[in-house]
Amino acid sequence: MNGNKNKGVSLSLLSTTINNINKSTNFQTTAEIIFGFIKSFINFNMAVIYKINEKDNILEIVSCLGSDTEKLKKRMPFKVGEGAVGLVAKNKTPILINDVLVNKEIQVRQYCDEDPLIRSFLAVPLVVGDKAIGILSISNSQPEQYDDYDVQMINIIASQAAVLLELNNNITETQRFSNKILDNVNSGIIVVDKNCNIIKLNKSAESITGFKFEEIVGSNLLEEHLILDNEEKFLYKSFNEGKIYFEEPGIMIRKDEKVIRVRLSTSLMNDEEGNIKSCICIFRDNTEIENLQSRIAMSDKLEALGRLTAGLVHEIRNPLLPIRNASEYLLSKYADRDENDEMKSLLKIINEESERLNRVLEGFVNMGKNSFSSIGYCNLKEVVDEVLILLNYTLRKSDIKTRVSLTHDDIILPFYKDNLKQVLINFILNSIDAINLNEKSNQRLIAISGTQNTENAIITIEDTGKGIPKKDLHQIFDPFYSTKEQGTGMGLYVAFNIVKSSGGHIDVESSVEKGTKITLTIPLEGERRYEY
């Protein structure tokens, strides 16, 4: 037994320990304080803190000194009511055993290969109110090391530790509950600290962004991937100006670089001094809703366009008829003469293009009635040559060079010739406008290439224009969408539907200030698609 103890020193140490426990902010720190007190007060080889799992009626190890905590946790847990610590948990009263090897009434589990030999044993309950929530046990390899005074001192410390253990359990349960709520919310939630580094995200955020928590935790990727339509740096505004956002529209660039529409709301968390310490960003995938809204608006606009087009077509056809008639007359008049070849060539262009314009007008009248699905075939080289002749003056005026590269002269495409011309004209005109707007480009070039494999023809139109921002790429083929002051937003929409009617598709790659590449993939044979 521990002879004469200095009770004054012990009480002073007890008072200091209780004060330190009360200042502790987490249970691991509390456990270290308790072990430090015990070590200063009595001799021991091993000390263990357990918590009671009421659901499974077992004791779970929280912390340990004198043995490997992780190994202890892997052992068969004590059941409440079994063994020395189990009896303390059941009866809520301390146990003191002077010599475990002599005492046969209460069993103390020994793991001599891994733990120190247990001879002296002391265990006290951690009680809050009338409820035991855990156990503190102490053991020594020598017999008769502890007495009732030791039990009293340890019991006092245990009562303080019990409060913190209960608080720790409540916090852990609250955190678990909060995490469960977060993971079951449909909206994505990402929490960033004042350095704009990601510290938390829920499962919906992982699903929407395509990133796993471990891939982006600690990074500042959020503001690179979530861009508001008004292009505000929302994290900077939040932390520096305290600005709160609600349902702010923007885009999310996913891990796979797919762009989706989102709505963003934010909330700020402050520390005890009122300083902003973190920003909670709540966002949802709004792509389907906005697409539906766009389709509804588009339907209304197309209906209005149909009424407007009928009147415009009538007004345009009136002066177009004498132009066509005059060009036909002049062509027939000079057809047999050898001179004036240039004039005859220009008259032929006027006649053919007035005929094409008439067919385009007919197409607008019938928009939405499979007007882009006229069956026919055309030679790609012939169409490209004709388009470049038509746009020759515009290209020269803008000092833009063209480069044409076709792997075959006889690439035959399943298009009515007028339709393919319309597609190429629309894309090339857009390229011309983009190059004229790019003041940083030293090269003014439009490159047109064409190739084919066994199934498809592939046409590319690449320019050195100003490029298209990522946030705009998803809507460039929408009707009435245009970034030009005088644009109607119909050119690329018409081109898209013409290509789609052939069973083909369009891919767009663009880099701001560097240029845009349009790739048309068109089946050489196959069914045309008539639905839009």
Protein backbone atom coordinates (compact mmCIF):
# COMPACT_ATOMS: atom_id res chain seq x y z
CA MET A 1 0.00 0.00 0.00
CA ASN A 2 1.21 3.58 -0.74
CA GLY A 3 2.36 4.59 2.77
CA ASN A 4 1.79 8.14 4.01
CA LYS A 5 0.63 10.42 1.21
CA ASN A 6 1.10 14.18 1.33
CA LYS A 7 -2.58 15.06 1.35
CA GLY A 8 -1.90 18.81 1.12
CA VAL A 9 0.05 18.35 -2.07
CA SER A 10 -2.60 15.98 -3.41
CA LEU A 11 -5.43 18.41 -2.71
CA SER A 12 -3.50 21.27 -4.31
CA LEU A 13 -2.82 19.10 -7.36
CA LEU A 14 -6.47 18.06 -7.41
CA SER A 15 -7.59 21.72 -7.43
CA THR A 16 -5.19 22.59 -10.27
CA THR A 17 -6.28 19.54 -12.26
CA ILE A 18 -9.99 20.40 -11.91
CA ASN A 19 -9.29 23.96 -13.14
CA ASN A 20 -7.38 22.59 -16.14
CA ILE A 21 -10.20 20.17 -16.94
CA ASN A 22 -12.73 23.00 -16.84
CA LYS A 23 -10.61 24.94 -19.38
CA SER A 24 -10.28 21.94 -21.69
CA THR A 25 -11.98 22.25 -25.12
CA ASN A 26 -11.99 18.56 -26.12
CA PHE A 27 -12.03 15.19 -24.42
CA GLN A 28 -8.62 14.04 -25.69
CA THR A 29 -7.04 17.00 -23.88
CA THR A 30 -9.10 16.14 -20.80
CA ALA A 31 -7.84 12.54 -20.92
CA GLU A 32 -4.23 13.78 -21.02
CA ILE A 33 -4.89 16.04 -18.00
CA ILE A 34 -6.41 13.12 -16.05
CA PHE A 35 -3.53 10.80 -16.89
CA GLY A 36 -1.08 13.54 -15.87
CA PHE A 37 -2.84 13.98 -12.51
CA ILE A 38 -2.88 10.24 -11.81
CA LYS A 39 0.78 9.95 -12.75
CA SER A 40 1.71 12.77 -10.33
CA PHE A 41 -0.44 11.34 -7.55
CA ILE A 42 0.00 7.56 -7.61
CA ASN A 43 2.02 4.90 -9.35
CA PHE A 44 0.43 2.95 -12.20
CA ASN A 45 1.39 0.93 -15.24
CA MET A 46 -1.81 1.36 -17.22
CA ALA A 47 -4.86 3.70 -17.16
CA VAL A 48 -7.90 3.34 -19.40
CA ILE A 49 -11.00 5.50 -19.98
CA TYR A 50 -14.11 3.73 -21.30
CA LYS A 51 -17.48 5.06 -22.43
CA ILE A 52 -20.69 3.06 -22.11
CA ASN A 53 -22.45 2.17 -25.36
CA GLU A 54 -26.03 1.82 -24.12
CA LYS A 55 -27.32 0.52 -27.45
CA ASP A 56 -24.99 -2.51 -27.52
CA ASN A 57 -24.57 -2.68 -23.69
CA ILE A 58 -20.77 -2.69 -23.97
CA LEU A 59 -17.80 -0.57 -22.89
CA GLU A 60 -15.84 1.19 -25.64
CA ILE A 61 -12.28 2.42 -25.11
CA VAL A 62 -11.88 6.19 -25.48
CA SER A 63 -8.27 6.71 -24.40
CA CYS A 64 -5.43 4.77 -22.81
CA LEU A 65 -1.99 5.30 -21.27
CA GLY A 66 0.43 2.43 -20.77
CA SER A 67 -0.68 0.25 -23.70
CA ASP A 68 -1.55 0.50 -27.40
CA THR A 69 -4.98 2.14 -27.65
CA GLU A 70 -5.70 0.81 -31.14
CA LYS A 71 -4.91 -2.76 -30.10
CA LEU A 72 -7.18 -2.40 -27.08
CA LYS A 73 -10.04 -1.21 -29.30
CA LYS A 74 -9.74 -4.31 -31.48
CA ARG A 75 -10.22 -6.70 -28.56
CA MET A 76 -13.53 -8.20 -27.52
CA PRO A 77 -15.26 -5.34 -25.64
CA PHE A 78 -16.37 -5.67 -22.01
CA LYS A 79 -20.09 -6.12 -21.50
CA VAL A 80 -21.87 -4.10 -18.82
CA GLY A 81 -22.10 -6.33 -15.70
CA GLU A 82 -19.20 -8.64 -16.70
CA GLY A 83 -15.71 -8.45 -15.20
CA ALA A 84 -14.39 -5.73 -12.93
CA VAL A 85 -15.06 -2.70 -15.19
CA GLY A 86 -18.40 -4.21 -16.26
CA LEU A 87 -19.54 -4.41 -12.62
CA VAL A 88 -18.51 -0.79 -12.00
CA ALA A 89 -20.59 0.23 -15.05
CA LYS A 90 -23.58 -1.76 -13.81
CA ASN A 91 -23.46 -0.81 -10.12
CA LYS A 92 -22.12 2.75 -10.57
CA THR A 93 -19.79 2.21 -7.58
CA PRO A 94 -15.95 2.08 -7.43
CA ILE A 95 -13.99 -1.16 -7.11
CA LEU A 96 -10.60 -1.52 -5.37
CA ILE A 97 -8.70 -4.84 -5.64
CA ASN A 98 -5.42 -5.07 -3.72
CA ASP A 99 -4.19 -8.17 -5.56
CA VAL A 100 -5.91 -9.49 -8.65
CA LEU A 101 -4.05 -12.79 -8.48
CA VAL A 102 -5.37 -13.43 -4.95
CA ASN A 103 -8.92 -12.10 -5.35
CA LYS A 104 -11.08 -14.79 -6.97
CA GLU A 105 -14.46 -13.06 -6.63
CA ILE A 106 -14.03 -10.46 -9.38
CA GLN A 107 -12.35 -11.30 -12.68
CA VAL A 108 -9.89 -8.83 -14.19
CA ARG A 109 -8.97 -9.59 -17.81
CA GLN A 110 -5.22 -10.03 -18.39
CA TYR A 111 -3.32 -9.69 -21.70
CA CYS A 112 0.20 -10.35 -20.46
CA ASP A 113 1.70 -10.54 -23.97
CA GLU A 114 0.57 -6.99 -24.80
CA ASP A 115 -0.24 -5.22 -21.50
CA PRO A 116 1.62 -4.87 -18.19
CA LEU A 117 0.73 -7.51 -15.57
CA ILE A 118 -2.22 -6.38 -13.41
CA ARG A 119 -1.95 -6.92 -9.61
CA SER A 120 -3.40 -3.75 -8.03
CA PHE A 121 -6.62 -2.56 -9.69
CA LEU A 122 -8.87 0.48 -9.15
CA ALA A 123 -11.92 1.47 -11.22
CA VAL A 124 -14.41 4.32 -10.72
CA PRO A 125 -17.57 5.18 -12.65
CA LEU A 126 -17.95 8.39 -14.68
CA VAL A 127 -21.38 9.55 -13.53
CA VAL A 128 -23.52 12.46 -14.72
CA GLY A 129 -26.59 12.86 -12.50
CA ASP A 130 -27.59 9.29 -11.76
CA LYS A 131 -26.37 7.95 -15.07
CA ALA A 132 -23.05 6.12 -15.56
CA ILE A 133 -21.59 7.12 -18.94
CA GLY A 134 -18.10 5.65 -18.60
CA ILE A 135 -15.35 4.06 -16.48
CA LEU A 136 -11.85 5.11 -15.45
CA SER A 137 -9.60 2.17 -14.52
CA ILE A 138 -6.03 2.18 -13.13
CA SER A 139 -3.73 -0.79 -12.58
CA ASN A 140 -0.25 -1.58 -11.30
CA SER A 141 1.99 -4.62 -11.69
CA GLN A 142 2.68 -4.62 -7.93
CA PRO A 143 0.07 -5.63 -5.29
CA GLU A 144 -1.48 -3.34 -2.64
CA GLN A 145 -0.59 -0.04 -4.31
CA TYR A 146 -3.90 1.80 -3.75
CA ASP A 147 -6.20 2.64 -0.82
CA ASP A 148 -9.57 4.30 -0.17
CA TYR A 149 -8.02 7.78 -0.25
CA ASP A 150 -6.80 7.09 -3.79
CA VAL A 151 -10.32 6.00 -4.72
CA GLN A 152 -11.77 9.25 -3.33
CA MET A 153 -9.27 11.44 -5.21
CA ILE A 154 -9.74 9.57 -8.50
CA ASN A 155 -13.52 9.65 -7.99
CA ILE A 156 -13.45 13.47 -7.72
CA ILE A 157 -11.48 13.76 -10.95
CA ALA A 158 -13.77 11.21 -12.59
CA SER A 159 -16.85 13.32 -11.82
CA GLN A 160 -15.30 16.28 -13.65
CA ALA A 161 -14.22 14.07 -16.54
CA ALA A 162 -17.73 12.61 -16.79
CA VAL A 163 -19.23 16.00 -17.60
CA LEU A 164 -16.75 16.57 -20.42
CA LEU A 165 -17.15 13.03 -21.73
CA GLU A 166 -20.93 13.52 -21.86
CA LEU A 167 -20.42 16.84 -23.61
CA ASN A 168 -18.00 15.21 -26.05
CA ASN A 169 -20.55 12.45 -26.73
CA ASN A 170 -23.25 15.05 -27.35
CA ILE A 171 -21.00 17.04 -29.68
CA THR A 172 -20.04 13.89 -31.56
CA GLU A 173 -23.70 12.90 -31.90
CA THR A 174 -24.61 16.42 -32.99
CA GLN A 175 -21.83 16.38 -35.60
CA ARG A 176 -22.98 12.96 -36.80
CA PHE A 177 -26.55 14.22 -37.02
CA SER A 178 -25.46 17.41 -38.81
CA ASN A 179 -23.37 15.43 -41.29
CA LYS A 180 -26.32 13.12 -41.97
CA ILE A 181 -28.53 16.13 -42.65
CA LEU A 182 -25.87 17.66 -44.93
CA ASP A 183 -25.45 14.44 -46.88
CA ASN A 184 -29.20 14.09 -47.41
CA VAL A 185 -29.74 17.65 -48.65
CA ASN A 186 -30.30 17.77 -52.42
CA SER A 187 -28.36 21.02 -52.78
CA GLY A 188 -24.58 21.04 -52.90
CA ILE A 189 -22.94 22.56 -49.82
CA ILE A 190 -19.30 23.63 -49.72
CA VAL A 191 -17.73 25.42 -46.74
CA VAL A 192 -14.59 27.52 -47.31
CA ASP A 193 -12.36 29.24 -44.75
CA LYS A 194 -11.17 32.85 -44.84
CA ASN A 195 -8.29 31.80 -47.13
CA CYS A 196 -10.92 30.51 -49.60
CA ASN A 197 -9.77 26.92 -49.01
CA ILE A 198 -12.42 24.19 -49.03
CA ILE A 199 -12.90 22.59 -45.60
CA LYS A 200 -16.21 20.75 -46.01
CA LEU A 201 -18.55 19.50 -48.73
CA ASN A 202 -21.53 17.17 -48.75
CA LYS A 203 -22.40 14.25 -51.03
CA SER A 204 -24.63 16.39 -53.26
CA ALA A 205 -21.69 18.76 -53.81
CA GLU A 206 -19.57 15.77 -54.83
CA SER A 207 -22.29 14.67 -57.26
CA ILE A 208 -22.80 18.13 -58.79
CA THR A 209 -19.09 19.04 -59.11
CA GLY A 210 -17.76 15.57 -59.92
CA PHE A 211 -15.02 16.02 -57.29
CA LYS A 212 -14.55 13.82 -54.22
CA PHE A 213 -13.90 15.47 -50.85
CA GLU A 214 -10.34 14.19 -50.64
CA GLU A 215 -9.57 15.59 -54.11
CA ILE A 216 -10.34 19.22 -53.29
CA VAL A 217 -10.20 19.60 -49.49
CA GLY A 218 -7.69 22.31 -48.63
CA SER A 219 -7.74 23.71 -52.20
CA ASN A 220 -9.13 27.03 -53.45
CA LEU A 221 -10.75 25.56 -56.58
CA LEU A 222 -14.32 26.70 -55.85
CA GLU A 223 -14.15 30.18 -57.38
CA GLU A 224 -12.37 28.78 -60.45
CA HIS A 225 -15.20 26.31 -61.07
CA LEU A 226 -18.25 28.30 -59.91
CA ILE A 227 -18.60 31.48 -61.98
CA LEU A 228 -21.49 33.89 -61.54
CA ASP A 229 -23.19 35.40 -64.58
CA ASN A 230 -22.28 38.88 -63.31
CA GLU A 231 -18.65 37.66 -63.00
CA GLU A 232 -18.37 38.88 -59.39
CA LYS A 233 -15.69 37.28 -57.24
CA PHE A 234 -18.27 36.13 -54.71
CA LEU A 235 -15.83 34.76 -52.11
CA TYR A 236 -13.87 38.02 -52.09
CA LYS A 237 -17.11 39.99 -51.73
CA SER A 238 -18.31 37.65 -48.96
CA PHE A 239 -15.18 37.80 -46.81
CA ASN A 240 -14.22 41.43 -47.44
CA GLU A 241 -17.61 43.10 -47.72
CA GLY A 242 -19.86 40.64 -45.88
CA LYS A 243 -22.06 40.32 -48.97
CA ILE A 244 -24.71 37.59 -48.92
CA TYR A 245 -25.92 36.00 -52.17
CA PHE A 246 -29.33 34.44 -52.76
CA GLU A 247 -30.23 32.33 -55.79
CA GLU A 248 -27.55 34.07 -57.87
CA PRO A 249 -27.35 32.54 -61.38
CA GLY A 250 -24.06 31.19 -62.69
CA ILE A 251 -22.27 28.19 -64.13
CA MET A 252 -20.38 25.27 -62.61
CA ILE A 253 -17.46 23.77 -64.53
CA ARG A 254 -17.43 20.13 -63.40
CA LYS A 255 -14.35 17.96 -63.00
CA ASP A 256 -15.09 16.46 -66.44
CA GLU A 257 -15.24 20.07 -67.81
CA LYS A 258 -18.96 19.77 -68.53
CA VAL A 259 -20.65 23.12 -67.90
CA ILE A 260 -23.93 23.16 -65.98
CA ARG A 261 -26.20 25.99 -64.84
CA VAL A 262 -26.41 26.59 -61.07
CA ARG A 263 -28.02 28.93 -58.55
CA LEU A 264 -25.81 30.03 -55.63
CA SER A 265 -26.73 31.20 -52.13
CA THR A 266 -24.25 31.98 -49.37
CA SER A 267 -24.19 32.30 -45.58
CA LEU A 268 -21.38 33.61 -43.37
CA MET A 269 -20.13 32.19 -40.05
CA ASN A 270 -18.47 34.47 -37.49
CA ASP A 271 -16.07 33.77 -34.64
CA GLU A 272 -16.61 34.93 -31.04
CA GLU A 273 -15.22 38.37 -31.90
CA GLY A 274 -17.62 38.81 -34.79
CA ASN A 275 -15.02 38.28 -37.54
CA ILE A 276 -16.03 36.22 -40.57
CA LYS A 277 -14.30 32.84 -40.31
CA SER A 278 -16.01 30.80 -43.04
CA CYS A 279 -18.48 31.02 -45.89
CA ILE A 280 -21.14 28.38 -46.56
CA CYS A 281 -21.86 28.11 -50.30
CA ILE A 282 -25.15 26.41 -51.18
CA PHE A 283 -25.80 25.66 -54.84
CA ARG A 284 -28.11 23.53 -56.94
CA ASP A 285 -28.05 22.22 -60.48
CA ASN A 286 -30.51 24.45 -62.34
CA THR A 287 -29.74 23.19 -65.83
CA GLU A 288 -32.99 21.32 -66.46
CA ILE A 289 -35.16 24.13 -65.09
CA GLU A 290 -33.40 26.75 -67.21
CA ASN A 291 -33.56 24.51 -70.28
CA LEU A 292 -37.30 24.11 -69.76
CA GLN A 293 -37.71 27.86 -69.31
CA SER A 294 -35.66 28.43 -72.45
CA ARG A 295 -37.77 25.99 -74.45
CA ILE A 296 -40.97 27.69 -73.31
CA ALA A 297 -39.57 31.12 -74.18
CA MET A 298 -38.23 29.75 -77.46
CA SER A 299 -41.62 28.34 -78.38
CA ASP A 300 -43.23 31.75 -77.80
CA LYS A 301 -40.52 33.49 -79.81
CA LEU A 302 -40.76 31.03 -82.70
CA GLU A 303 -44.51 31.48 -82.79
CA ALA A 304 -44.04 35.26 -82.96
CA LEU A 305 -41.26 34.79 -85.52
CA GLY A 306 -43.58 32.76 -87.73
CA ARG A 307 -46.10 35.57 -87.86
CA LEU A 308 -43.38 38.15 -88.49
CA THR A 309 -41.66 36.02 -91.14
CA ALA A 310 -44.80 35.64 -93.22
CA GLY A 311 -45.00 39.41 -93.59
CA LEU A 312 -41.26 39.84 -94.22
CA VAL A 313 -41.15 37.10 -96.84
CA HIS A 314 -43.94 38.82 -98.75
CA GLU A 315 -42.10 42.16 -98.69
CA ILE A 316 -38.75 40.63 -99.72
CA ARG A 317 -40.21 38.53 -102.53
CA ASN A 318 -41.75 41.57 -104.20
CA PRO A 319 -38.39 43.22 -105.10
CA LEU A 320 -36.68 39.81 -105.46
CA LEU A 321 -38.87 38.79 -108.40
CA PRO A 322 -37.75 41.61 -110.77
CA ILE A 323 -34.10 40.99 -109.71
CA ARG A 324 -34.42 37.35 -110.72
CA ASN A 325 -36.21 38.22 -113.96
CA ALA A 326 -33.66 40.90 -114.88
CA SER A 327 -30.71 38.59 -114.25
CA GLU A 328 -32.31 35.81 -116.33
CA TYR A 329 -32.97 38.27 -119.16
CA LEU A 330 -29.41 39.62 -119.16
CA LEU A 331 -27.95 36.11 -118.99
CA SER A 332 -29.97 35.00 -121.99
CA LYS A 333 -29.08 38.20 -123.85
CA TYR A 334 -25.32 37.79 -123.42
CA ALA A 335 -25.19 33.98 -123.32
CA ASP A 336 -23.85 33.61 -126.90
CA ARG A 337 -21.29 36.43 -126.73
CA ASP A 338 -17.67 35.73 -126.01
CA GLU A 339 -16.87 39.09 -124.48
CA ASN A 340 -17.87 40.24 -121.01
CA ASP A 341 -17.09 36.91 -119.28
CA GLU A 342 -16.76 38.67 -115.93
CA MET A 343 -20.17 40.29 -116.35
CA LYS A 344 -21.76 36.97 -117.27
CA SER A 345 -20.15 35.34 -114.22
CA LEU A 346 -21.50 38.04 -111.92
CA LEU A 347 -24.95 37.83 -113.51
CA LYS A 348 -24.93 34.08 -112.96
CA ILE A 349 -24.10 34.63 -109.26
CA ILE A 350 -26.95 37.17 -108.98
CA ASN A 351 -29.37 34.75 -110.58
CA GLU A 352 -28.32 31.71 -108.55
CA GLU A 353 -28.21 33.57 -105.25
CA SER A 354 -31.59 35.21 -105.83
CA GLU A 355 -32.95 31.70 -106.45
CA ARG A 356 -31.26 30.53 -103.24
CA LEU A 357 -32.64 33.49 -101.33
CA ASN A 358 -36.10 32.59 -102.54
CA ARG A 359 -35.64 29.03 -101.25
CA VAL A 360 -34.29 30.35 -97.93
CA LEU A 361 -37.41 32.49 -97.59
CA GLU A 362 -39.51 29.43 -98.28
CA GLY A 363 -37.58 27.63 -95.56
CA PHE A 364 -38.30 30.37 -93.03
CA VAL A 365 -41.98 30.24 -93.86
CA ASN A 366 -41.95 26.49 -93.19
CA MET A 367 -39.65 26.64 -90.13
CA GLY A 368 -40.56 23.81 -87.79
CA LYS A 369 -42.07 21.77 -90.66
CA ASN A 370 -38.97 19.73 -91.54
CA SER A 371 -37.79 22.59 -93.76
CA PHE A 372 -34.16 21.52 -93.25
CA SER A 373 -34.72 17.92 -94.28
CA SER A 374 -34.79 18.29 -98.07
CA ILE A 375 -33.26 15.16 -99.54
CA GLY A 376 -30.24 15.70 -101.75
CA TYR A 377 -26.50 15.26 -102.14
CA CYS A 378 -23.72 17.71 -102.87
CA ASN A 379 -19.97 17.84 -103.42
CA LEU A 380 -18.12 19.45 -100.51
CA LYS A 381 -15.37 20.97 -102.67
CA GLU A 382 -17.88 22.62 -105.00
CA VAL A 383 -19.83 24.09 -102.09
CA VAL A 384 -16.69 25.40 -100.35
CA ASP A 385 -15.47 27.01 -103.61
CA GLU A 386 -18.83 28.70 -104.20
CA VAL A 387 -19.06 29.96 -100.62
CA LEU A 388 -15.57 31.49 -100.75
CA ILE A 389 -16.42 33.22 -104.05
CA LEU A 390 -19.54 34.68 -102.44
CA LEU A 391 -17.62 35.88 -99.38
CA ASN A 392 -14.48 36.90 -101.27
CA TYR A 393 -15.14 40.64 -101.02
CA THR A 394 -15.94 40.47 -97.28
CA LEU A 395 -12.79 38.44 -96.60
CA ARG A 396 -10.55 40.79 -98.61
CA LYS A 397 -12.08 43.87 -96.96
CA SER A 398 -11.27 42.42 -93.52
CA ASP A 399 -7.78 41.32 -94.67
CA ILE A 400 -8.53 37.71 -93.70
CA LYS A 401 -6.81 34.82 -95.45
CA THR A 402 -8.35 31.40 -95.97
CA ARG A 403 -6.74 27.98 -96.14
CA VAL A 404 -8.64 25.00 -97.57
CA SER A 405 -7.48 21.43 -97.07
CA LEU A 406 -9.64 18.58 -98.37
CA THR A 407 -8.33 15.02 -98.37
CA HIS A 408 -10.64 14.12 -101.27
CA ASP A 409 -12.10 16.17 -104.10
CA ASP A 410 -15.18 13.99 -104.23
CA ILE A 411 -16.52 14.06 -100.66
CA ILE A 412 -20.27 13.69 -101.21
CA LEU A 413 -22.52 14.82 -98.37
CA PRO A 414 -26.22 14.04 -97.74
CA PHE A 415 -27.26 17.70 -98.00
CA TYR A 416 -29.30 19.74 -100.34
CA LYS A 417 -26.64 22.08 -101.75
CA ASP A 418 -28.33 25.27 -100.54
CA ASN A 419 -28.48 23.95 -97.01
CA LEU A 420 -24.77 23.14 -96.80
CA LYS A 421 -23.93 26.56 -98.27
CA GLN A 422 -26.08 28.16 -95.60
CA VAL A 423 -24.26 26.21 -92.86
CA LEU A 424 -20.79 27.17 -94.11
CA ILE A 425 -21.74 30.80 -94.74
CA ASN A 426 -23.11 31.19 -91.23
CA PHE A 427 -20.01 29.73 -89.59
CA ILE A 428 -17.54 31.64 -91.79
CA LEU A 429 -19.36 34.94 -91.24
CA ASN A 430 -19.16 34.34 -87.50
CA SER A 431 -15.43 33.65 -87.86
CA ILE A 432 -14.96 36.90 -89.77
CA ASP A 433 -16.73 38.86 -87.05
CA ALA A 434 -14.69 37.10 -84.31
CA ILE A 435 -11.37 37.84 -86.04
CA ASN A 436 -12.31 41.51 -86.49
CA LEU A 437 -12.99 41.71 -82.74
CA ASN A 438 -9.68 40.09 -81.72
CA GLU A 439 -7.17 42.93 -81.53
CA LYS A 440 -4.54 40.68 -79.93
CA SER A 441 -4.25 38.27 -82.86
CA ASN A 442 -1.28 38.67 -85.19
CA GLN A 443 -2.67 36.13 -87.64
CA ARG A 444 -6.00 36.65 -89.44
CA LEU A 445 -6.86 33.24 -90.82
CA ILE A 446 -9.82 30.92 -91.39
CA ALA A 447 -8.80 27.31 -92.04
CA ILE A 448 -11.34 24.95 -93.61
CA SER A 449 -10.58 21.25 -93.77
CA GLY A 450 -12.51 18.18 -94.81
CA THR A 451 -11.91 14.46 -94.55
CA GLN A 452 -13.89 11.27 -94.45
CA ASN A 453 -13.75 7.76 -93.05
CA THR A 454 -15.97 4.77 -93.74
CA GLU A 455 -18.91 6.26 -91.87
CA ASN A 456 -18.60 10.03 -91.59
CA ALA A 457 -17.40 13.16 -93.26
CA ILE A 458 -15.66 15.58 -90.92
CA ILE A 459 -15.52 19.28 -91.71
CA THR A 460 -13.67 21.76 -89.53
CA ILE A 461 -13.74 25.55 -89.61
CA GLU A 462 -11.04 27.07 -87.42
CA ASP A 463 -10.38 30.77 -86.90
CA THR A 464 -8.03 33.05 -84.97
CA GLY A 465 -10.86 35.15 -83.55
CA LYS A 466 -11.62 36.38 -80.05
CA GLY A 467 -13.02 33.01 -78.93
CA ILE A 468 -16.13 32.16 -76.91
CA PRO A 469 -16.15 32.21 -73.08
CA LYS A 470 -16.95 28.84 -71.49
CA LYS A 471 -20.06 30.27 -69.86
CA ASP A 472 -21.55 31.04 -73.30
CA LEU A 473 -20.66 27.83 -75.15
CA HIS A 474 -23.77 25.92 -74.06
CA GLN A 475 -26.17 28.43 -75.60
CA ILE A 476 -24.60 29.52 -78.91
CA PHE A 477 -27.04 27.32 -80.88
CA ASP A 478 -30.11 28.63 -79.06
CA PRO A 479 -32.45 30.69 -81.26
CA PHE A 480 -32.31 34.45 -80.67
CA TYR A 481 -29.10 34.17 -78.64
CA SER A 482 -26.43 36.54 -79.92
CA THR A 483 -23.56 38.56 -78.45
CA LYS A 484 -23.57 40.93 -81.46
CA GLU A 485 -25.35 44.25 -81.22
CA GLN A 486 -27.05 43.72 -84.57
CA GLY A 487 -27.28 39.92 -84.35
CA THR A 488 -30.58 38.06 -84.67
CA GLY A 489 -29.38 34.85 -83.03
CA MET A 490 -30.83 32.76 -85.87
CA GLY A 491 -27.74 31.96 -87.98
CA LEU A 492 -26.18 29.25 -85.81
CA TYR A 493 -29.61 27.94 -84.81
CA VAL A 494 -30.44 27.34 -88.48
CA ALA A 495 -26.99 25.81 -89.12
CA PHE A 496 -27.40 23.49 -86.11
CA ASN A 497 -30.78 22.22 -87.34
CA ILE A 498 -29.54 21.66 -90.87
CA VAL A 499 -26.65 19.51 -89.60
CA LYS A 500 -28.95 17.72 -87.18
CA SER A 501 -31.40 16.90 -89.97
CA SER A 502 -28.65 14.96 -91.73
CA GLY A 503 -28.03 12.86 -88.61
CA GLY A 504 -24.84 14.77 -87.83
CA HIS A 505 -23.61 16.76 -84.87
CA ILE A 506 -21.48 19.82 -84.14
CA ASP A 507 -18.61 20.10 -81.65
CA VAL A 508 -17.19 23.45 -80.57
CA GLU A 509 -13.77 24.10 -79.03
CA SER A 510 -12.89 27.65 -78.13
CA SER A 511 -10.26 29.59 -76.23
CA VAL A 512 -10.66 33.27 -75.43
CA GLU A 513 -8.27 35.52 -77.43
CA LYS A 514 -7.01 32.47 -79.36
CA GLY A 515 -9.87 31.32 -81.55
CA THR A 516 -12.63 28.80 -82.17
CA LYS A 517 -12.77 25.44 -83.90
CA ILE A 518 -16.08 24.12 -85.25
CA THR A 519 -16.21 20.42 -86.14
CA LEU A 520 -19.11 19.06 -88.19
CA THR A 521 -19.47 15.27 -88.14
CA ILE A 522 -21.89 14.13 -90.83
CA PRO A 523 -22.87 10.53 -91.66
CA LEU A 524 -22.12 9.66 -95.27
CA GLU A 525 -25.11 7.31 -95.30
CA GLY A 526 -27.92 6.92 -92.85
CA GLU A 527 -31.29 8.15 -91.79
CA ARG A 528 -31.90 11.84 -91.51
CA ARG A 529 -33.50 13.17 -88.35
CA TYR A 530 -36.63 15.15 -88.83
CA GLU A 531 -37.41 16.12 -85.27
CA TYR A 532 -35.86 19.18 -83.70
